Amino acid sequence: MTRRESITWWGSGAVLLLFAVSGLIGALVKPAEAAKPWQVSVLSASTATDRPPLQRADAANRWLIVRAKVEVTGDSSASGLSSMVRLSGVDGLVKPEPGVVLLRDSTQIDRLHPGMPEEVVFAWEQAAATASPQQLTVQISGAQPVTVAVTAP
């Protein structure tokens, strides 16, 4: 074997060894999962004809209400609360996004702050011509769906 062939052989072996080691390290090191910036716990579901300060588009319609405890777990305030929770499999919704009301003082909100858990109401307007559901499947962004029985108002 010539000196040139020997250098080529050792160089190729070193490159293959480098690829094997980097592949092994890559397989062992798992990337950190992106943490959700909030924690949502569904507490109850009900229907209502009135949910101040929200206003129905049609007085004959009803509200589908999901009460939840929401805590911002990230480092900054969370806005866009109406996009955090959706209902699936419900007919007759006027809009797919809910109105969001802070339970403690009945103010309409769109932002919560870290370290300050709050009970909020997510409210969807449902057309009166549609049957009121017996249960709701609540889809929380980044989590598994939760099915909850609808109680009488």
N, C-alpha and C. Protein backbone atom coordinates (compact mmCIF):
# COMPACT_ATOMS: atom_id res chain seq x y z
N MET A 1 0.85 -1.16 0.00
CA MET A 1 0.00 0.00 0.00
C MET A 1 0.90 1.23 0.00
N THR A 2 0.58 2.16 -0.87
CA THR A 2 1.38 3.38 -0.97
C THR A 2 0.98 4.34 0.13
N ARG A 3 1.82 5.34 0.34
CA ARG A 3 1.55 6.34 1.36
C ARG A 3 0.26 7.08 1.05
N ARG A 4 0.00 7.39 -0.20
CA ARG A 4 -1.21 8.11 -0.61
C ARG A 4 -2.45 7.27 -0.32
N GLU A 5 -2.40 5.99 -0.65
CA GLU A 5 -3.54 5.10 -0.38
C GLU A 5 -3.78 4.98 1.13
N SER A 6 -2.71 4.93 1.90
CA SER A 6 -2.82 4.83 3.34
C SER A 6 -3.49 6.07 3.94
N ILE A 7 -3.09 7.25 3.48
CA ILE A 7 -3.70 8.50 3.96
C ILE A 7 -5.17 8.55 3.57
N THR A 8 -5.51 8.14 2.36
CA THR A 8 -6.90 8.13 1.90
C THR A 8 -7.73 7.17 2.75
N TRP A 9 -7.15 5.98 3.02
CA TRP A 9 -7.88 4.99 3.81
C TRP A 9 -8.13 5.51 5.22
N TRP A 10 -7.10 6.05 5.90
CA TRP A 10 -7.25 6.58 7.25
C TRP A 10 -8.18 7.79 7.27
N GLY A 11 -8.07 8.64 6.28
CA GLY A 11 -8.96 9.82 6.20
C GLY A 11 -10.42 9.41 6.06
N SER A 12 -10.68 8.44 5.18
CA SER A 12 -12.06 7.94 5.00
C SER A 12 -12.58 7.30 6.28
N GLY A 13 -11.73 6.54 6.94
CA GLY A 13 -12.12 5.90 8.21
C GLY A 13 -12.45 6.94 9.27
N ALA A 14 -11.65 8.01 9.35
CA ALA A 14 -11.89 9.06 10.34
C ALA A 14 -13.21 9.78 10.06
N VAL A 15 -13.49 10.04 8.80
CA VAL A 15 -14.76 10.71 8.44
C VAL A 15 -15.94 9.81 8.80
N LEU A 16 -15.84 8.51 8.50
CA LEU A 16 -16.93 7.59 8.84
C LEU A 16 -17.11 7.49 10.35
N LEU A 17 -16.01 7.48 11.10
CA LEU A 17 -16.09 7.44 12.55
C LEU A 17 -16.75 8.71 13.09
N LEU A 18 -16.41 9.86 12.52
CA LEU A 18 -17.00 11.13 12.92
C LEU A 18 -18.52 11.12 12.68
N PHE A 19 -18.96 10.63 11.52
CA PHE A 19 -20.39 10.54 11.23
C PHE A 19 -21.09 9.58 12.20
N ALA A 20 -20.46 8.46 12.51
CA ALA A 20 -21.07 7.49 13.43
C ALA A 20 -21.22 8.09 14.82
N VAL A 21 -20.20 8.77 15.32
CA VAL A 21 -20.25 9.36 16.65
C VAL A 21 -21.30 10.48 16.70
N SER A 22 -21.32 11.34 15.68
CA SER A 22 -22.32 12.44 15.69
C SER A 22 -23.74 11.89 15.57
N GLY A 23 -23.93 10.83 14.83
CA GLY A 23 -25.25 10.20 14.73
C GLY A 23 -25.68 9.60 16.06
N LEU A 24 -24.73 8.98 16.77
CA LEU A 24 -25.02 8.40 18.07
C LEU A 24 -25.38 9.49 19.08
N ILE A 25 -24.63 10.55 19.08
CA ILE A 25 -24.92 11.67 19.99
C ILE A 25 -26.28 12.28 19.66
N GLY A 26 -26.58 12.46 18.38
CA GLY A 26 -27.87 13.01 17.97
C GLY A 26 -29.03 12.13 18.39
N ALA A 27 -28.83 10.81 18.36
CA ALA A 27 -29.90 9.89 18.76
C ALA A 27 -30.10 9.91 20.27
N LEU A 28 -29.05 10.16 21.03
CA LEU A 28 -29.14 10.16 22.49
C LEU A 28 -29.68 11.46 23.06
N VAL A 29 -29.37 12.56 22.41
CA VAL A 29 -29.79 13.87 22.90
C VAL A 29 -31.16 14.18 22.30
N LYS A 30 -32.18 14.29 23.16
CA LYS A 30 -33.53 14.57 22.68
C LYS A 30 -33.77 16.07 22.78
N PRO A 31 -34.36 16.64 21.75
CA PRO A 31 -34.66 18.07 21.83
C PRO A 31 -35.72 18.33 22.89
N ALA A 32 -35.61 19.45 23.56
CA ALA A 32 -36.60 19.83 24.58
C ALA A 32 -37.93 20.12 23.90
N GLU A 33 -39.01 19.58 24.48
CA GLU A 33 -40.34 19.85 23.93
C GLU A 33 -40.73 21.28 24.26
N ALA A 34 -41.38 21.92 23.32
CA ALA A 34 -41.85 23.28 23.56
C ALA A 34 -42.99 23.23 24.57
N ALA A 35 -42.82 23.91 25.65
CA ALA A 35 -43.84 23.93 26.70
C ALA A 35 -44.98 24.85 26.29
N LYS A 36 -46.20 24.44 26.64
CA LYS A 36 -47.36 25.31 26.39
C LYS A 36 -47.23 26.51 27.30
N PRO A 37 -47.57 27.68 26.81
CA PRO A 37 -47.47 28.87 27.66
C PRO A 37 -48.65 29.02 28.62
N TRP A 38 -49.52 28.01 28.70
CA TRP A 38 -50.66 28.10 29.60
C TRP A 38 -51.11 26.70 30.01
N GLN A 39 -51.87 26.66 31.09
CA GLN A 39 -52.49 25.44 31.58
C GLN A 39 -53.99 25.72 31.69
N VAL A 40 -54.81 24.90 31.03
CA VAL A 40 -56.26 25.10 31.05
C VAL A 40 -56.91 23.85 31.64
N SER A 41 -57.75 24.04 32.65
CA SER A 41 -58.52 22.95 33.25
C SER A 41 -60.00 23.27 33.09
N VAL A 42 -60.70 22.42 32.34
CA VAL A 42 -62.14 22.61 32.16
C VAL A 42 -62.84 22.21 33.45
N LEU A 43 -63.69 23.10 33.96
CA LEU A 43 -64.39 22.86 35.22
C LEU A 43 -65.84 22.43 35.01
N SER A 44 -66.54 23.04 34.04
CA SER A 44 -67.94 22.68 33.82
C SER A 44 -68.40 23.21 32.47
N ALA A 45 -69.60 22.76 32.08
CA ALA A 45 -70.24 23.25 30.85
C ALA A 45 -71.73 23.41 31.14
N SER A 46 -72.32 24.43 30.55
CA SER A 46 -73.74 24.68 30.74
C SER A 46 -74.28 25.50 29.58
N THR A 47 -75.57 25.77 29.60
CA THR A 47 -76.18 26.67 28.63
C THR A 47 -76.74 27.86 29.40
N ALA A 48 -76.93 28.97 28.70
CA ALA A 48 -77.49 30.17 29.34
C ALA A 48 -78.15 31.03 28.27
N THR A 49 -79.10 31.81 28.68
CA THR A 49 -79.72 32.76 27.75
C THR A 49 -79.09 34.14 27.89
N ASP A 50 -78.37 34.34 29.00
CA ASP A 50 -77.75 35.64 29.24
C ASP A 50 -76.34 35.42 29.78
N ARG A 51 -75.36 36.17 29.28
CA ARG A 51 -73.99 36.09 29.77
C ARG A 51 -73.34 37.46 29.67
N PRO A 52 -73.72 38.38 30.56
CA PRO A 52 -73.12 39.72 30.50
C PRO A 52 -71.61 39.64 30.65
N PRO A 53 -70.87 40.43 29.99
CA PRO A 53 -71.25 41.56 29.16
C PRO A 53 -71.45 41.17 27.69
N LEU A 54 -71.44 39.87 27.37
CA LEU A 54 -71.60 39.44 25.98
C LEU A 54 -73.04 39.65 25.51
N GLN A 55 -73.18 39.98 24.25
CA GLN A 55 -74.50 40.20 23.64
C GLN A 55 -74.71 39.20 22.52
N ARG A 56 -75.88 38.55 22.51
CA ARG A 56 -76.22 37.61 21.44
C ARG A 56 -76.61 38.36 20.18
N ALA A 57 -76.30 37.79 19.03
CA ALA A 57 -76.70 38.38 17.75
C ALA A 57 -78.21 38.28 17.57
N ASP A 58 -78.81 37.23 18.10
CA ASP A 58 -80.25 37.02 18.03
C ASP A 58 -80.74 36.68 19.44
N ALA A 59 -81.71 37.38 19.93
CA ALA A 59 -82.20 37.19 21.30
C ALA A 59 -82.75 35.78 21.54
N ALA A 60 -83.13 35.07 20.48
CA ALA A 60 -83.65 33.71 20.63
C ALA A 60 -82.53 32.68 20.82
N ASN A 61 -81.32 33.03 20.47
CA ASN A 61 -80.19 32.10 20.59
C ASN A 61 -79.81 31.86 22.05
N ARG A 62 -78.95 30.86 22.28
CA ARG A 62 -78.47 30.54 23.62
C ARG A 62 -76.95 30.58 23.63
N TRP A 63 -76.39 30.66 24.84
CA TRP A 63 -74.95 30.58 25.02
C TRP A 63 -74.59 29.15 25.42
N LEU A 64 -73.52 28.62 24.85
CA LEU A 64 -72.89 27.39 25.34
C LEU A 64 -71.69 27.86 26.16
N ILE A 65 -71.69 27.53 27.43
CA ILE A 65 -70.72 28.07 28.37
C ILE A 65 -69.75 26.97 28.82
N VAL A 66 -68.46 27.25 28.75
CA VAL A 66 -67.43 26.37 29.32
C VAL A 66 -66.68 27.20 30.35
N ARG A 67 -66.75 26.75 31.61
CA ARG A 67 -66.01 27.42 32.68
C ARG A 67 -64.69 26.69 32.86
N ALA A 68 -63.60 27.45 32.93
CA ALA A 68 -62.27 26.84 33.02
C ALA A 68 -61.35 27.67 33.89
N LYS A 69 -60.38 27.00 34.46
CA LYS A 69 -59.31 27.68 35.18
C LYS A 69 -58.14 27.78 34.21
N VAL A 70 -57.64 28.99 34.02
CA VAL A 70 -56.55 29.22 33.08
C VAL A 70 -55.39 29.86 33.83
N GLU A 71 -54.20 29.28 33.64
CA GLU A 71 -53.00 29.85 34.24
C GLU A 71 -51.94 29.99 33.15
N VAL A 72 -51.40 31.18 33.04
CA VAL A 72 -50.30 31.42 32.09
C VAL A 72 -49.03 30.91 32.75
N THR A 73 -48.38 29.94 32.12
CA THR A 73 -47.18 29.32 32.68
C THR A 73 -45.90 29.85 32.04
N GLY A 74 -46.04 30.62 30.98
CA GLY A 74 -44.88 31.22 30.33
C GLY A 74 -44.40 32.44 31.09
N ASP A 75 -43.42 33.11 30.51
CA ASP A 75 -42.82 34.29 31.16
C ASP A 75 -43.52 35.59 30.80
N SER A 76 -44.39 35.56 29.79
CA SER A 76 -45.05 36.80 29.39
C SER A 76 -46.56 36.60 29.33
N SER A 77 -47.27 37.70 29.31
CA SER A 77 -48.73 37.66 29.26
C SER A 77 -49.20 36.94 28.01
N ALA A 78 -50.32 36.26 28.12
CA ALA A 78 -50.90 35.54 26.99
C ALA A 78 -52.12 36.30 26.49
N SER A 79 -52.13 36.58 25.21
CA SER A 79 -53.30 37.21 24.60
C SER A 79 -53.89 36.23 23.60
N GLY A 80 -55.01 36.59 23.00
CA GLY A 80 -55.66 35.70 22.05
C GLY A 80 -56.34 34.53 22.74
N LEU A 81 -56.92 34.77 23.90
CA LEU A 81 -57.56 33.70 24.66
C LEU A 81 -58.68 33.02 23.88
N SER A 82 -59.35 33.76 23.02
CA SER A 82 -60.46 33.17 22.26
C SER A 82 -59.99 32.10 21.28
N SER A 83 -58.71 32.10 20.92
CA SER A 83 -58.21 31.07 20.02
C SER A 83 -57.64 29.87 20.78
N MET A 84 -57.61 29.94 22.10
CA MET A 84 -57.05 28.89 22.94
C MET A 84 -57.98 27.67 23.04
N VAL A 85 -59.30 27.90 22.97
CA VAL A 85 -60.29 26.85 23.19
C VAL A 85 -61.29 26.84 22.05
N ARG A 86 -61.64 25.65 21.57
CA ARG A 86 -62.64 25.48 20.52
C ARG A 86 -63.58 24.34 20.92
N LEU A 87 -64.78 24.36 20.36
CA LEU A 87 -65.72 23.25 20.51
C LEU A 87 -65.68 22.45 19.23
N SER A 88 -65.79 21.13 19.34
CA SER A 88 -65.86 20.32 18.12
C SER A 88 -67.15 19.51 18.14
N GLY A 89 -67.70 19.31 16.95
CA GLY A 89 -68.91 18.52 16.81
C GLY A 89 -70.18 19.19 17.27
N VAL A 90 -70.18 20.52 17.33
CA VAL A 90 -71.37 21.26 17.78
C VAL A 90 -71.96 22.01 16.58
N ASP A 91 -73.23 21.78 16.32
CA ASP A 91 -73.91 22.45 15.21
C ASP A 91 -74.48 23.79 15.66
N GLY A 92 -74.65 24.69 14.71
CA GLY A 92 -75.35 25.94 14.94
C GLY A 92 -74.58 27.04 15.63
N LEU A 93 -73.25 26.92 15.70
CA LEU A 93 -72.48 28.00 16.32
C LEU A 93 -72.50 29.22 15.41
N VAL A 94 -72.75 30.38 15.99
CA VAL A 94 -72.77 31.62 15.21
C VAL A 94 -71.35 31.96 14.76
N LYS A 95 -70.35 31.78 15.65
CA LYS A 95 -68.93 31.99 15.33
C LYS A 95 -68.12 30.86 15.97
N PRO A 96 -67.01 30.46 15.36
CA PRO A 96 -66.21 29.39 15.97
C PRO A 96 -65.43 29.85 17.21
N GLU A 97 -65.16 31.17 17.33
CA GLU A 97 -64.42 31.68 18.48
C GLU A 97 -65.40 32.07 19.58
N PRO A 98 -65.00 31.80 20.82
CA PRO A 98 -65.87 32.18 21.93
C PRO A 98 -65.61 33.61 22.39
N GLY A 99 -66.58 34.15 23.11
CA GLY A 99 -66.32 35.34 23.90
C GLY A 99 -65.68 34.85 25.19
N VAL A 100 -64.78 35.64 25.77
CA VAL A 100 -64.08 35.22 26.99
C VAL A 100 -64.37 36.24 28.08
N VAL A 101 -64.88 35.75 29.22
CA VAL A 101 -65.28 36.62 30.32
C VAL A 101 -64.57 36.15 31.59
N LEU A 102 -63.99 37.09 32.31
CA LEU A 102 -63.36 36.82 33.59
C LEU A 102 -64.47 36.59 34.61
N LEU A 103 -64.48 35.45 35.26
CA LEU A 103 -65.58 35.08 36.14
C LEU A 103 -65.70 36.00 37.36
N ARG A 104 -64.59 36.42 37.94
CA ARG A 104 -64.65 37.16 39.20
C ARG A 104 -65.29 38.53 39.09
N ASP A 105 -65.23 39.16 37.92
CA ASP A 105 -65.85 40.49 37.81
C ASP A 105 -66.66 40.68 36.53
N SER A 106 -66.89 39.61 35.79
CA SER A 106 -67.71 39.63 34.57
C SER A 106 -67.24 40.66 33.54
N THR A 107 -65.94 40.78 33.37
CA THR A 107 -65.42 41.66 32.32
C THR A 107 -64.94 40.80 31.16
N GLN A 108 -65.12 41.32 29.96
CA GLN A 108 -64.66 40.62 28.78
C GLN A 108 -63.15 40.85 28.67
N ILE A 109 -62.39 39.76 28.45
CA ILE A 109 -60.93 39.86 28.44
C ILE A 109 -60.35 39.17 27.22
N ASP A 110 -59.09 39.49 26.93
CA ASP A 110 -58.35 38.80 25.89
C ASP A 110 -56.89 38.59 26.30
N ARG A 111 -56.56 38.86 27.56
CA ARG A 111 -55.18 38.73 28.02
C ARG A 111 -55.17 38.31 29.49
N LEU A 112 -54.26 37.36 29.80
CA LEU A 112 -54.00 36.97 31.18
C LEU A 112 -52.50 37.06 31.42
N HIS A 113 -52.13 37.15 32.70
CA HIS A 113 -50.74 37.38 33.07
C HIS A 113 -50.15 36.18 33.81
N PRO A 114 -48.83 36.00 33.72
CA PRO A 114 -48.18 34.85 34.36
C PRO A 114 -48.38 34.84 35.87
N GLY A 115 -48.50 33.62 36.41
CA GLY A 115 -48.58 33.45 37.85
C GLY A 115 -49.87 33.94 38.49
N MET A 116 -50.87 34.24 37.67
CA MET A 116 -52.16 34.72 38.20
C MET A 116 -53.29 33.87 37.62
N PRO A 117 -53.50 32.65 38.16
CA PRO A 117 -54.56 31.80 37.62
C PRO A 117 -55.92 32.46 37.80
N GLU A 118 -56.76 32.30 36.80
CA GLU A 118 -58.09 32.91 36.81
C GLU A 118 -59.12 31.90 36.32
N GLU A 119 -60.35 32.02 36.86
CA GLU A 119 -61.47 31.26 36.31
C GLU A 119 -62.11 32.15 35.25
N VAL A 120 -62.25 31.57 34.06
CA VAL A 120 -62.84 32.31 32.95
C VAL A 120 -63.99 31.51 32.36
N VAL A 121 -64.84 32.23 31.65
CA VAL A 121 -65.95 31.62 30.94
C VAL A 121 -65.70 31.81 29.45
N PHE A 122 -65.72 30.70 28.71
CA PHE A 122 -65.68 30.74 27.25
C PHE A 122 -67.12 30.54 26.80
N ALA A 123 -67.66 31.45 25.99
CA ALA A 123 -69.07 31.40 25.62
C ALA A 123 -69.25 31.46 24.11
N TRP A 124 -69.93 30.47 23.55
CA TRP A 124 -70.25 30.42 22.13
C TRP A 124 -71.75 30.61 21.96
N GLU A 125 -72.13 31.44 21.02
CA GLU A 125 -73.54 31.62 20.72
C GLU A 125 -73.99 30.50 19.78
N GLN A 126 -75.11 29.85 20.14
CA GLN A 126 -75.66 28.77 19.33
C GLN A 126 -77.06 29.16 18.88
N ALA A 127 -77.35 28.91 17.61
CA ALA A 127 -78.65 29.24 17.04
C ALA A 127 -79.76 28.47 17.75
N ALA A 128 -80.87 29.16 17.99
CA ALA A 128 -82.00 28.57 18.71
C ALA A 128 -82.61 27.40 17.95
N ALA A 129 -82.51 27.40 16.62
CA ALA A 129 -83.08 26.33 15.81
C ALA A 129 -82.31 25.01 15.96
N THR A 130 -81.14 25.06 16.57
CA THR A 130 -80.31 23.88 16.77
C THR A 130 -80.55 23.31 18.16
N ALA A 131 -80.58 21.99 18.26
CA ALA A 131 -80.79 21.35 19.57
C ALA A 131 -79.61 21.64 20.50
N SER A 132 -79.94 21.88 21.75
CA SER A 132 -78.91 22.11 22.77
C SER A 132 -78.17 20.79 23.02
N PRO A 133 -76.84 20.79 23.03
CA PRO A 133 -76.09 19.54 23.20
C PRO A 133 -76.15 19.02 24.64
N GLN A 134 -76.02 17.71 24.79
CA GLN A 134 -75.98 17.06 26.10
C GLN A 134 -74.56 17.04 26.66
N GLN A 135 -73.59 17.12 25.76
CA GLN A 135 -72.19 17.17 26.16
C GLN A 135 -71.41 18.00 25.15
N LEU A 136 -70.28 18.52 25.58
CA LEU A 136 -69.42 19.31 24.71
C LEU A 136 -68.03 18.69 24.68
N THR A 137 -67.45 18.65 23.48
CA THR A 137 -66.06 18.24 23.34
C THR A 137 -65.26 19.51 23.17
N VAL A 138 -64.40 19.77 24.16
CA VAL A 138 -63.62 21.00 24.21
C VAL A 138 -62.21 20.69 23.76
N GLN A 139 -61.75 21.39 22.73
CA GLN A 139 -60.39 21.22 22.23
C GLN A 139 -59.55 22.39 22.72
N ILE A 140 -58.60 22.11 23.59
CA ILE A 140 -57.69 23.12 24.10
C ILE A 140 -56.43 23.07 23.25
N SER A 141 -55.99 24.21 22.78
CA SER A 141 -54.82 24.27 21.92
C SER A 141 -53.63 23.58 22.58
N GLY A 142 -53.07 22.60 21.87
CA GLY A 142 -51.90 21.88 22.36
C GLY A 142 -52.20 20.78 23.34
N ALA A 143 -53.46 20.38 23.51
CA ALA A 143 -53.82 19.34 24.47
C ALA A 143 -54.84 18.39 23.86
N GLN A 144 -55.09 17.30 24.56
CA GLN A 144 -56.10 16.33 24.13
C GLN A 144 -57.50 16.91 24.37
N PRO A 145 -58.47 16.55 23.53
CA PRO A 145 -59.85 17.03 23.74
C PRO A 145 -60.42 16.52 25.07
N VAL A 146 -61.30 17.33 25.64
CA VAL A 146 -61.98 17.00 26.91
C VAL A 146 -63.48 17.00 26.63
N THR A 147 -64.17 15.96 27.01
CA THR A 147 -65.63 15.90 26.86
C THR A 147 -66.25 16.10 28.23
N VAL A 148 -67.20 17.04 28.28
CA VAL A 148 -67.84 17.38 29.55
C VAL A 148 -69.36 17.45 29.35
N ALA A 149 -70.09 16.94 30.34
CA ALA A 149 -71.56 16.97 30.29
C ALA A 149 -72.05 18.39 30.47
N VAL A 150 -73.11 18.73 29.73
CA VAL A 150 -73.73 20.05 29.83
C VAL A 150 -74.80 20.00 30.90
N THR A 151 -74.69 20.86 31.90
CA THR A 151 -75.69 20.90 32.97
C THR A 151 -76.69 22.00 32.69
N ALA A 152 -77.85 21.88 33.33
CA ALA A 152 -78.90 22.89 33.17
C ALA A 152 -78.43 24.20 33.80
N PRO A 153 -78.90 25.33 33.26
CA PRO A 153 -78.46 26.63 33.80
C PRO A 153 -78.89 26.85 35.24
